């Protein structure tokens, strides 16, 4: 089956635009031609559909979410398999949520307000609580898997590695699934998990909402996972002094390594968060945004702690907020059309270089480059390089024995109509590969460097996990920037890159 824009899946769902891609599947915005509405459809990659474990995991996601009918869970509408009966392409159809991920929201705002952070945590916890009641553990709670709709409500998605507490087989002891930035100690150690695992991950998400960053950094995923096992969480009040002692206590309990100290249920965590939100509104005298909606849903005991002016003026606040947002959106829209090039929205995936500003790149700015006897380097994944999400990656093909067997492969960033970039930032989960950076103006050369290319970096750079490479462009504008990979990392058969940024 050709899973491209314009394709009609099951004679019903028209693929309108690709909105995300991962290792297992691609997500499209689609149109349901029967009910005439927008939907989201997740198509499993054909090349891995033959893997029985991956296929079962994909099917399990549909079964897991289909059991849940909750306002803060992205709902499943349909599921099926398309194409050759012997080699079908499975798909899942979800409700379409117009908005952004919580990760994008955090990056865009650097960090969230305290009230908004608490409100989002309450809604996520409510969704997890509904799943736990059905004995479903998400096991990959992270801000990338939380969508914030246009009204500011949080919706949990991507139950791709969820399982019921009664399932066996696909997640044998010793195998860690999930994202290590948010992984619980027991999950990092490959031990049995339950709903408390999700609550630990939610605690880490809350920490990131409040501070703008995850608590632990490390040289690799294993190092980060072991910090979750061995190290105490950094003091949130040191990083953000205005966080109350009550909220810090909720965070401490949610992320306790001892399960006897951690919240036993989502409902217990929700109760404490509701009290803290009510106290926060009482302390500040006002809250805005989605927090006002959450305040209306608090139990009477917590409502009594909310000042009358907050409760009685919710509609007025929302109306004023909407008007302000419309004005702000118009101003920002005008400014962005003057300041940004391309069609893509750029997220701050790395701290801006001092004195430099990030170059705005289009959603299709990245392209694989394999000029020496190759047939491409995963061209469908290149959008991950400029999507602002370090959780998504592009990778080279796998090379047996860890040897390229040719001069190089790479990625070209299209910076048309030209920019005099001074630095390239690279984020990679496979550090230790060697590369150089080359530029070209006008038409992109289709030959390997140096043919038609000019080198603007050292001959060979040992690329680290978060590498920043100064470029010698002499102030000249160039349309194309080539990251030319000449050597794979030690004991690796491919290179993976999550983000590439240009600074000028």
Protein backbone atom coordinates (compact mmCIF):
# COMPACT_ATOMS: atom_id res chain seq x y z
CA UNK A 1 0.00 0.00 0.00
CA UNK A 2 1.35 3.45 -0.86
CA UNK A 3 1.04 5.50 2.31
CA UNK A 4 1.38 8.93 0.71
CA UNK A 5 -0.66 12.10 0.83
CA UNK A 6 -3.80 11.66 -1.24
CA UNK A 7 -4.04 7.91 -0.62
CA UNK A 8 -7.47 6.61 0.37
CA UNK A 9 -7.19 4.08 3.19
CA UNK A 10 -9.90 1.40 3.29
CA UNK A 11 -11.85 3.40 0.67
CA UNK A 12 -12.70 5.88 3.41
CA UNK A 13 -9.83 7.85 4.98
CA UNK A 14 -8.01 10.29 2.69
CA UNK A 15 -4.48 11.11 3.84
CA UNK A 16 -4.15 14.90 3.75
CA UNK A 17 -0.81 15.64 5.47
CA UNK A 18 1.93 13.91 7.41
CA UNK A 19 2.06 15.22 10.98
CA UNK A 20 4.55 12.88 12.63
CA UNK A 21 6.82 9.90 12.11
CA UNK A 22 8.40 7.42 14.49
CA UNK A 23 10.26 4.17 14.42
CA UNK A 24 7.07 2.09 14.17
CA UNK A 25 4.56 4.25 12.35
CA UNK A 26 3.68 7.48 10.56
CA UNK A 27 0.79 9.70 11.65
CA UNK A 28 -1.28 11.63 9.11
CA UNK A 29 -4.03 14.16 9.32
CA UNK A 30 -6.80 12.57 7.28
CA UNK A 31 -10.37 13.17 6.18
CA UNK A 32 -13.13 10.67 6.89
CA UNK A 33 -15.09 10.75 3.62
CA UNK A 34 -18.04 8.89 5.14
CA UNK A 35 -18.67 11.10 8.19
CA UNK A 36 -16.98 14.15 6.63
CA UNK A 37 -14.66 15.05 9.48
CA UNK A 38 -10.96 15.35 10.17
CA UNK A 39 -9.26 12.43 11.89
CA UNK A 40 -5.71 11.32 12.68
CA UNK A 41 -4.55 8.00 11.26
CA UNK A 42 -1.49 6.06 12.36
CA UNK A 43 -0.06 3.72 9.71
CA UNK A 44 2.47 1.09 10.68
CA UNK A 45 5.60 1.09 8.52
CA UNK A 46 5.33 -1.69 5.98
CA UNK A 47 8.92 -2.78 6.45
CA UNK A 48 8.31 -3.73 10.09
CA UNK A 49 4.72 -4.97 9.77
CA UNK A 50 6.13 -8.45 9.26
CA UNK A 51 7.65 -8.43 12.76
CA UNK A 52 5.11 -10.33 14.86
CA UNK A 53 6.11 -8.59 18.12
CA UNK A 54 5.86 -5.11 16.60
CA UNK A 55 2.60 -6.00 14.89
CA UNK A 56 1.08 -7.23 18.14
CA UNK A 57 2.26 -4.10 19.98
CA UNK A 58 0.58 -1.94 17.34
CA UNK A 59 -2.67 -3.91 17.58
CA UNK A 60 -2.50 -3.76 21.36
CA UNK A 61 -2.45 0.03 21.27
CA UNK A 62 -5.77 0.02 19.43
CA UNK A 63 -7.29 -2.45 21.90
CA UNK A 64 -5.99 -0.57 24.93
CA UNK A 65 -7.24 2.88 23.95
CA UNK A 66 -10.53 1.52 22.58
CA UNK A 67 -11.36 0.54 26.17
CA UNK A 68 -10.99 4.14 27.32
CA UNK A 69 -13.67 6.78 26.91
CA UNK A 70 -12.29 9.79 28.70
CA UNK A 71 -12.15 13.52 27.86
CA UNK A 72 -8.39 13.58 28.47
CA UNK A 73 -7.50 10.53 26.37
CA UNK A 74 -7.21 10.80 22.59
CA UNK A 75 -9.93 8.37 21.51
CA UNK A 76 -9.76 5.56 18.99
CA UNK A 77 -12.36 5.78 16.22
CA UNK A 78 -11.48 2.82 14.03
CA UNK A 79 -8.73 0.29 13.29
CA UNK A 80 -8.00 -2.16 10.53
CA UNK A 81 -5.51 -3.49 8.03
CA UNK A 82 -5.03 -2.38 4.45
CA UNK A 83 -3.33 -3.77 1.38
CA UNK A 84 -2.04 -7.24 0.52
CA UNK A 85 -3.75 -9.81 2.81
CA UNK A 86 -0.44 -11.66 3.11
CA UNK A 87 1.45 -8.48 4.06
CA UNK A 88 -1.15 -6.02 5.38
CA UNK A 89 -0.46 -2.50 6.66
CA UNK A 90 -2.25 -2.04 10.00
CA UNK A 91 -3.71 1.35 10.90
CA UNK A 92 -5.47 3.05 13.79
CA UNK A 93 -7.82 6.02 13.39
CA UNK A 94 -7.93 8.56 16.23
CA UNK A 95 -9.86 11.72 16.92
CA UNK A 96 -7.96 14.66 15.47
CA UNK A 97 -6.68 17.12 18.08
CA UNK A 98 -5.86 20.57 16.74
CA UNK A 99 -3.09 22.05 18.86
CA UNK A 100 0.43 21.18 19.97
CA UNK A 101 2.23 18.70 22.18
CA UNK A 102 2.97 19.58 25.77
CA UNK A 103 6.68 19.35 24.89
CA UNK A 104 6.25 22.00 22.21
CA UNK A 105 4.29 24.17 24.62
CA UNK A 106 7.03 23.97 27.26
CA UNK A 107 9.71 24.85 24.72
CA UNK A 108 7.69 27.72 23.30
CA UNK A 109 7.17 29.24 26.75
CA UNK A 110 10.52 28.14 28.27
CA UNK A 111 8.44 26.91 31.22
CA UNK A 112 4.76 27.03 32.16
CA UNK A 113 3.02 29.07 34.83
CA UNK A 114 2.62 27.26 38.13
CA UNK A 115 -1.18 27.19 37.85
CA UNK A 116 -1.08 25.85 34.29
CA UNK A 117 1.47 23.21 35.27
CA UNK A 118 -0.76 21.97 38.08
CA UNK A 119 -3.88 22.04 35.90
CA UNK A 120 -2.19 20.04 33.14
CA UNK A 121 -0.88 17.53 35.69
CA UNK A 122 -4.40 17.08 37.09
CA UNK A 123 -5.84 16.37 33.65
CA UNK A 124 -3.06 13.94 32.76
CA UNK A 125 -3.50 12.20 36.09
CA UNK A 126 -7.25 11.90 35.48
CA UNK A 127 -6.55 10.22 32.14
CA UNK A 128 -4.03 7.85 33.72
CA UNK A 129 -6.43 7.09 36.54
CA UNK A 130 -9.09 6.05 34.02
CA UNK A 131 -6.55 3.76 32.33
CA UNK A 132 -5.40 2.27 35.64
CA UNK A 133 -8.99 1.50 36.60
CA UNK A 134 -9.07 -0.75 33.55
CA UNK A 135 -5.73 -2.25 34.55
CA UNK A 136 -3.91 -0.46 31.70
CA UNK A 137 -0.47 1.02 32.39
CA UNK A 138 0.73 3.55 29.81
CA UNK A 139 4.47 3.09 30.56
CA UNK A 140 5.62 5.96 28.31
CA UNK A 141 4.23 9.09 29.95
CA UNK A 142 6.12 12.10 28.59
CA UNK A 143 5.16 15.56 27.31
CA UNK A 144 5.59 14.38 23.72
CA UNK A 145 2.66 12.03 24.36
CA UNK A 146 0.35 14.74 25.69
CA UNK A 147 -1.57 16.93 23.24
CA UNK A 148 -2.84 20.37 24.24
CA UNK A 149 -5.93 21.27 22.24
CA UNK A 150 -6.98 24.73 21.12
CA UNK A 151 -8.90 25.28 24.36
CA UNK A 152 -5.87 24.36 26.47
CA UNK A 153 -7.08 20.94 27.61
CA UNK A 154 -4.57 18.08 27.91
CA UNK A 155 -5.16 14.76 26.14
CA UNK A 156 -2.93 11.73 26.61
CA UNK A 157 -2.01 9.77 23.50
CA UNK A 158 0.34 7.06 22.20
CA UNK A 159 -0.44 3.97 24.22
CA UNK A 160 1.93 2.11 21.87
CA UNK A 161 3.78 0.29 24.66
CA UNK A 162 0.88 0.14 27.11
CA UNK A 163 -0.19 -3.21 28.46
CA UNK A 164 -2.66 -4.58 30.95
CA UNK A 165 -1.34 -5.86 34.25
CA UNK A 166 -2.30 -9.39 33.16
CA UNK A 167 -0.34 -9.49 29.89
CA UNK A 168 2.84 -11.48 29.46
CA UNK A 169 5.38 -12.00 26.73
CA UNK A 170 6.17 -8.84 24.84
CA UNK A 171 7.87 -7.10 27.73
CA UNK A 172 9.97 -9.73 29.39
CA UNK A 173 11.79 -8.90 32.61
CA UNK A 174 15.03 -7.08 31.94
CA UNK A 175 13.77 -5.18 28.89
CA UNK A 176 13.26 -1.46 29.42
CA UNK A 177 10.64 0.31 27.33
CA UNK A 178 9.84 3.97 27.51
CA UNK A 179 11.81 7.21 27.39
CA UNK A 180 14.64 7.34 29.91
CA UNK A 181 14.20 11.07 30.62
CA UNK A 182 10.95 10.10 32.37
CA UNK A 183 11.53 6.43 33.24
CA UNK A 184 10.73 5.14 36.72
CA UNK A 185 13.43 3.38 38.77
CA UNK A 186 11.63 0.03 38.64
CA UNK A 187 11.15 0.31 34.89
CA UNK A 188 14.82 1.24 34.40
CA UNK A 189 15.75 -1.93 36.27
CA UNK A 190 13.42 -4.07 34.16
CA UNK A 191 11.17 -4.93 37.08
CA UNK A 192 7.40 -5.36 37.15
CA UNK A 193 5.41 -2.16 36.73
CA UNK A 194 2.01 -0.90 37.78
CA UNK A 195 0.14 2.39 37.84
CA UNK A 196 2.73 3.91 40.18
CA UNK A 197 5.20 3.78 37.28
CA UNK A 198 3.03 6.22 35.31
CA UNK A 199 2.74 8.51 38.35
CA UNK A 200 6.53 8.71 38.66
CA UNK A 201 6.78 9.70 34.99
CA UNK A 202 4.01 12.27 35.49
CA UNK A 203 6.03 13.71 38.38
CA UNK A 204 9.00 14.17 36.05
CA UNK A 205 6.71 15.82 33.48
CA UNK A 206 5.45 18.19 36.18
CA UNK A 207 9.06 19.01 37.11
CA UNK A 208 9.76 19.87 33.47
CA UNK A 209 6.64 22.03 33.18
CA UNK A 210 7.73 24.00 36.25
CA UNK A 211 11.44 24.34 35.44
CA UNK A 212 11.62 24.03 31.66
CA UNK A 213 13.96 21.03 31.68
CA UNK A 214 14.14 17.38 32.72
CA UNK A 215 15.87 16.70 36.05
CA UNK A 216 18.67 14.44 34.85
CA UNK A 217 21.20 14.69 32.02
CA UNK A 218 23.69 12.02 31.02
CA UNK A 219 26.06 10.83 28.31
CA UNK A 220 23.57 8.22 27.14
CA UNK A 221 20.15 6.80 27.94
CA UNK A 222 21.55 4.22 30.34
CA UNK A 223 23.35 6.93 32.33
CA UNK A 224 20.11 8.92 32.60
CA UNK A 225 18.14 5.82 33.59
CA UNK A 226 20.63 5.01 36.36
CA UNK A 227 20.28 8.54 37.74
CA UNK A 228 16.56 7.89 38.11
CA UNK A 229 17.51 4.78 40.08
CA UNK A 230 20.25 6.26 42.27
CA UNK A 231 19.99 10.05 42.51
CA UNK A 232 17.54 12.31 44.28
CA UNK A 233 15.51 14.69 42.17
CA UNK A 234 17.00 18.23 42.10
CA UNK A 235 15.24 20.64 44.45
CA UNK A 236 12.47 22.23 42.38
CA UNK A 237 12.34 25.25 44.70
CA UNK A 238 16.02 25.95 44.04
CA UNK A 239 15.33 26.04 40.31
CA UNK A 240 12.07 27.98 40.75
CA UNK A 241 11.79 29.64 44.17
CA UNK A 242 8.12 30.65 43.77
CA UNK A 243 7.03 26.99 43.82
CA UNK A 244 5.21 26.41 47.11
CA UNK A 245 6.31 23.87 49.70
CA UNK A 246 3.00 22.05 49.18
CA UNK A 247 3.61 21.63 45.45
CA UNK A 248 7.22 20.57 46.07
CA UNK A 249 5.89 17.94 48.49
CA UNK A 250 3.54 16.57 45.80
CA UNK A 251 6.45 16.37 43.42
CA UNK A 252 8.62 14.60 46.00
CA UNK A 253 5.95 12.01 46.71
CA UNK A 254 5.14 11.39 43.04
CA UNK A 255 8.81 10.74 42.26
CA UNK A 256 9.72 8.76 45.38
CA UNK A 257 11.92 5.81 44.47
CA UNK A 258 10.41 3.77 47.31
CA UNK A 259 7.00 2.53 46.12
CA UNK A 260 5.71 2.62 49.69
CA UNK A 261 6.32 6.38 49.74
CA UNK A 262 5.06 7.10 46.21
CA UNK A 263 1.41 7.88 45.56
CA UNK A 264 -0.45 4.55 45.51
CA UNK A 265 -3.09 5.72 43.01
CA UNK A 266 -3.72 8.50 40.53
CA UNK A 267 -6.73 9.55 42.62
CA UNK A 268 -4.48 10.21 45.63
CA UNK A 269 -2.16 12.38 43.56
CA UNK A 270 -5.10 14.21 41.97
CA UNK A 271 -6.55 15.04 45.39
CA UNK A 272 -3.30 16.67 46.51
CA UNK A 273 -2.86 18.52 43.21
CA UNK A 274 -6.42 19.88 43.44
CA UNK A 275 -5.72 21.22 46.92
CA UNK A 276 -2.49 22.81 45.74
CA UNK A 277 -4.25 24.44 42.75
CA UNK A 278 -6.93 25.86 45.02
CA UNK A 279 -4.26 27.18 47.36
CA UNK A 280 -2.32 28.65 44.45
CA UNK A 281 -5.39 30.53 43.22
CA UNK A 282 -6.06 31.77 46.75
CA UNK A 283 -2.46 32.95 47.13
CA UNK A 284 -2.27 34.79 43.79
CA UNK A 285 -5.90 35.92 43.67
CA UNK A 286 -6.33 34.89 40.05
CA UNK A 287 -5.59 32.19 37.53
CA UNK A 288 -6.05 32.14 33.77
CA UNK A 289 -6.31 29.74 30.87
CA UNK A 290 -7.15 26.08 31.29
CA UNK A 291 -6.60 26.34 35.05
CA UNK A 292 -9.98 28.13 35.32
CA UNK A 293 -11.70 25.12 33.75
CA UNK A 294 -9.94 22.75 36.13
CA UNK A 295 -10.89 24.97 39.08
CA UNK A 296 -14.57 24.55 38.18
CA UNK A 297 -14.14 20.77 38.40
CA UNK A 298 -12.58 20.76 41.88
CA UNK A 299 -14.46 19.07 44.72
CA UNK A 300 -16.42 21.36 47.13
CA UNK A 301 -13.74 21.05 49.84
CA UNK A 302 -11.16 22.55 47.51
CA UNK A 303 -13.58 25.04 45.93
CA UNK A 304 -14.05 26.71 49.32
CA UNK A 305 -10.39 27.71 49.23
CA UNK A 306 -10.76 29.51 45.88
CA UNK A 307 -11.43 33.26 46.24
CA UNK A 308 -14.94 34.27 45.23
CA UNK A 309 -13.62 36.75 42.67
CA UNK A 310 -11.83 33.89 40.88
CA UNK A 311 -14.86 31.60 40.84
CA UNK A 312 -17.41 34.24 39.89
CA UNK A 313 -15.37 35.90 37.16
CA UNK A 314 -14.31 32.81 35.22
CA UNK A 315 -16.39 33.69 32.16
CA UNK A 316 -15.18 37.27 32.19
CA UNK A 317 -11.59 36.13 32.52
CA UNK A 318 -11.97 33.69 29.65
CA UNK A 319 -13.55 36.34 27.47
CA UNK A 320 -10.80 38.83 28.25
CA UNK A 321 -8.19 36.16 27.74
CA UNK A 322 -9.66 35.22 24.35
CA UNK A 323 -9.67 38.83 23.23
CA UNK A 324 -6.07 39.27 24.38
CA UNK A 325 -5.01 36.11 22.61
CA UNK A 326 -6.65 37.22 19.38
CA UNK A 327 -4.78 40.52 19.48
CA UNK A 328 -1.53 38.82 20.45
CA UNK A 329 -1.95 36.22 17.71
CA UNK A 330 -2.51 38.91 15.11
CA UNK A 331 0.59 40.83 16.24
CA UNK A 332 2.74 37.72 16.47
CA UNK A 333 1.47 36.48 13.13
CA UNK A 334 2.43 39.77 11.52
CA UNK A 335 5.86 39.81 13.15
CA UNK A 336 6.52 36.16 12.33
CA UNK A 337 5.85 36.72 8.64
CA UNK A 338 8.51 39.43 8.69
CA UNK A 339 11.00 37.56 10.85
CA UNK A 340 10.72 33.95 9.71
CA UNK A 341 11.55 32.25 6.45
CA UNK A 342 10.03 28.99 5.30
CA UNK A 343 6.83 27.30 6.40
CA UNK A 344 7.98 25.41 9.49
CA UNK A 345 7.51 26.48 13.08
CA UNK A 346 10.84 26.27 14.88
CA UNK A 347 11.01 25.05 18.47
CA UNK A 348 13.91 25.87 20.82
CA UNK A 349 15.53 22.47 21.02
CA UNK A 350 18.88 23.90 22.11
CA UNK A 351 19.92 27.03 24.01
CA UNK A 352 20.51 29.88 21.57
CA UNK A 353 24.19 30.50 20.96
CA UNK A 354 25.34 33.72 22.61
CA UNK A 355 24.97 36.57 20.16
CA UNK A 356 23.40 34.31 17.52
CA UNK A 357 19.81 33.58 16.51
CA UNK A 358 18.31 30.36 15.18
CA UNK A 359 17.51 30.19 11.48
CA UNK A 360 13.84 29.41 10.81
CA UNK A 361 13.66 26.32 8.61
CA UNK A 362 10.76 24.87 6.67
CA UNK A 363 9.20 21.52 7.49
CA UNK A 364 10.84 20.03 4.39
CA UNK A 365 14.21 21.69 4.84
CA UNK A 366 16.11 18.44 5.49
CA UNK A 367 16.92 15.81 2.86
CA UNK A 368 19.05 12.69 2.90
CA UNK A 369 22.20 12.69 0.72
CA UNK A 370 23.67 9.46 -0.64
CA UNK A 371 25.53 10.27 -3.87
CA UNK A 372 27.94 7.33 -3.97
CA UNK A 373 26.23 4.21 -5.24
CA UNK A 374 23.39 4.35 -2.72
CA UNK A 375 19.61 4.26 -2.87
CA UNK A 376 18.90 6.77 -0.14
CA UNK A 377 19.29 7.10 3.59
CA UNK A 378 15.78 6.80 5.07
CA UNK A 379 14.31 9.81 3.22
CA UNK A 380 10.95 9.44 4.98
CA UNK A 381 12.57 10.20 8.34
CA UNK A 382 14.31 13.48 7.48
CA UNK A 383 11.45 15.65 8.77
CA UNK A 384 12.46 14.51 12.26
CA UNK A 385 15.64 16.58 11.92
CA UNK A 386 13.76 19.90 11.83
CA UNK A 387 10.55 19.16 13.74
CA UNK A 388 11.78 20.58 17.06
CA UNK A 389 11.26 17.23 18.83
CA UNK A 390 14.47 15.52 20.02
CA UNK A 391 12.48 12.33 20.62
CA UNK A 392 12.16 11.76 16.86
CA UNK A 393 15.21 10.72 14.86
CA UNK A 394 16.56 10.23 11.36
CA UNK A 395 19.14 7.52 10.82
CA UNK A 396 21.48 6.38 8.12
CA UNK A 397 21.09 2.92 6.70
CA UNK A 398 22.72 0.13 8.72
CA UNK A 399 26.22 -0.75 7.55
CA UNK A 400 27.47 -4.24 8.40
CA UNK A 401 30.62 -4.28 10.45
CA UNK A 402 30.32 -0.60 11.28
CA UNK A 403 32.04 0.49 8.06
CA UNK A 404 30.43 2.82 5.53
CA UNK A 405 32.34 1.26 2.65
CA UNK A 406 32.28 4.60 0.80
CA UNK A 407 33.45 8.16 1.26
CA UNK A 408 30.38 9.26 3.11
CA UNK A 409 26.65 9.88 3.41
CA UNK A 410 24.83 12.81 4.84
CA UNK A 411 21.99 15.26 5.28
CA UNK A 412 21.42 18.51 3.38
CA UNK A 413 19.64 21.44 5.03
CA UNK A 414 17.91 23.71 2.52
CA UNK A 415 18.30 27.28 3.78
CA UNK A 416 16.98 28.95 0.61
CA UNK A 417 16.96 31.79 -0.29
CA UNK A 418 20.31 31.76 1.47
CA UNK A 419 21.76 32.49 4.87
CA UNK A 420 25.22 33.21 6.23
CA UNK A 421 25.09 30.67 9.06
CA UNK A 422 27.83 30.84 11.68
CA UNK A 423 27.12 27.67 13.59
CA UNK A 424 25.44 24.28 13.22
CA UNK A 425 24.04 22.53 16.29
CA UNK A 426 23.57 18.76 16.18
CA UNK A 427 21.76 16.56 18.67
CA UNK A 428 22.39 12.82 18.38
CA UNK A 429 21.74 9.68 20.46
CA UNK A 430 24.75 8.01 18.72
CA UNK A 431 27.72 10.28 19.48
CA UNK A 432 31.22 9.53 18.26
CA UNK A 433 30.71 9.68 14.51
CA UNK A 434 32.97 11.84 12.37
CA UNK A 435 31.66 14.48 9.99
CA UNK A 436 32.37 17.77 8.26
CA UNK A 437 30.14 20.57 7.00
CA UNK A 438 30.01 21.82 3.42
CA UNK A 439 27.99 24.53 1.70
CA UNK A 440 26.72 25.32 -1.78
CA UNK A 441 24.78 28.17 -3.31
CA UNK A 442 21.93 27.99 -5.84
CA UNK A 443 21.41 24.46 -7.23
CA UNK A 444 22.36 21.64 -4.88
CA UNK A 445 25.31 19.57 -6.20
CA UNK A 446 24.48 15.89 -6.56
CA UNK A 447 28.11 14.81 -6.27
CA UNK A 448 30.09 13.95 -3.16
CA UNK A 449 32.32 16.66 -1.67
CA UNK A 450 34.35 18.44 -2.78
CA UNK A 451 32.64 18.38 -6.19
CA UNK A 452 30.61 21.58 -6.23
CA UNK A 453 30.80 21.92 -2.42
CA UNK A 454 32.91 24.18 -0.18
CA UNK A 455 33.99 22.99 3.26
CA UNK A 456 33.25 25.43 6.13
CA UNK A 457 34.27 23.31 9.11
CA UNK A 458 37.26 21.29 10.21
CA UNK A 459 38.10 18.35 7.95
CA UNK A 460 36.80 15.93 10.58
CA UNK A 461 34.73 16.68 13.67
CA UNK A 462 34.13 14.04 16.35
CA UNK A 463 30.43 14.75 16.92
CA UNK A 464 29.23 14.62 20.52
CA UNK A 465 25.72 14.18 21.84
CA UNK A 466 25.04 17.93 21.73
CA UNK A 467 27.61 19.27 19.29
CA UNK A 468 27.95 22.88 18.15
CA UNK A 469 30.24 23.42 15.18
CA UNK A 470 31.46 26.87 14.16
CA UNK A 471 31.23 27.55 10.41
CA UNK A 472 33.67 29.60 8.36
CA UNK A 473 31.25 31.13 5.85
CA UNK A 474 33.06 34.51 5.79
CA UNK A 475 29.68 36.23 5.95
CA UNK A 476 28.57 34.78 2.61
CA UNK A 477 25.04 33.45 2.14
CA UNK A 478 24.55 29.82 1.10
CA UNK A 479 21.43 27.90 0.14
CA UNK A 480 22.54 24.40 1.15
CA UNK A 481 24.36 23.12 4.22
CA UNK A 482 25.62 19.52 4.06
CA UNK A 483 26.46 17.47 7.13
CA UNK A 484 28.82 14.92 5.55
CA UNK A 485 29.26 11.79 7.69
CA UNK A 486 32.52 9.97 6.99
CA UNK A 487 32.87 7.54 9.88
CA UNK A 488 30.35 5.67 12.05
CA UNK A 489 30.50 5.72 15.85
CA UNK A 490 32.56 2.96 17.49
CA UNK A 491 30.68 -0.37 17.59
CA UNK A 492 27.67 1.12 15.79
CA UNK A 493 26.25 0.25 12.38
CA UNK A 494 24.39 3.52 11.81
CA UNK A 495 24.20 7.17 12.83
CA UNK A 496 21.05 8.61 14.36
CA UNK A 497 20.37 12.34 14.56
CA UNK A 498 17.41 13.92 16.32
CA UNK A 499 17.88 17.62 15.53
CA UNK A 500 19.96 19.92 13.32
CA UNK A 501 19.84 23.70 13.79
CA UNK A 502 21.57 26.57 12.04
CA UNK A 503 22.52 29.82 13.82
CA UNK A 504 23.42 33.14 12.25
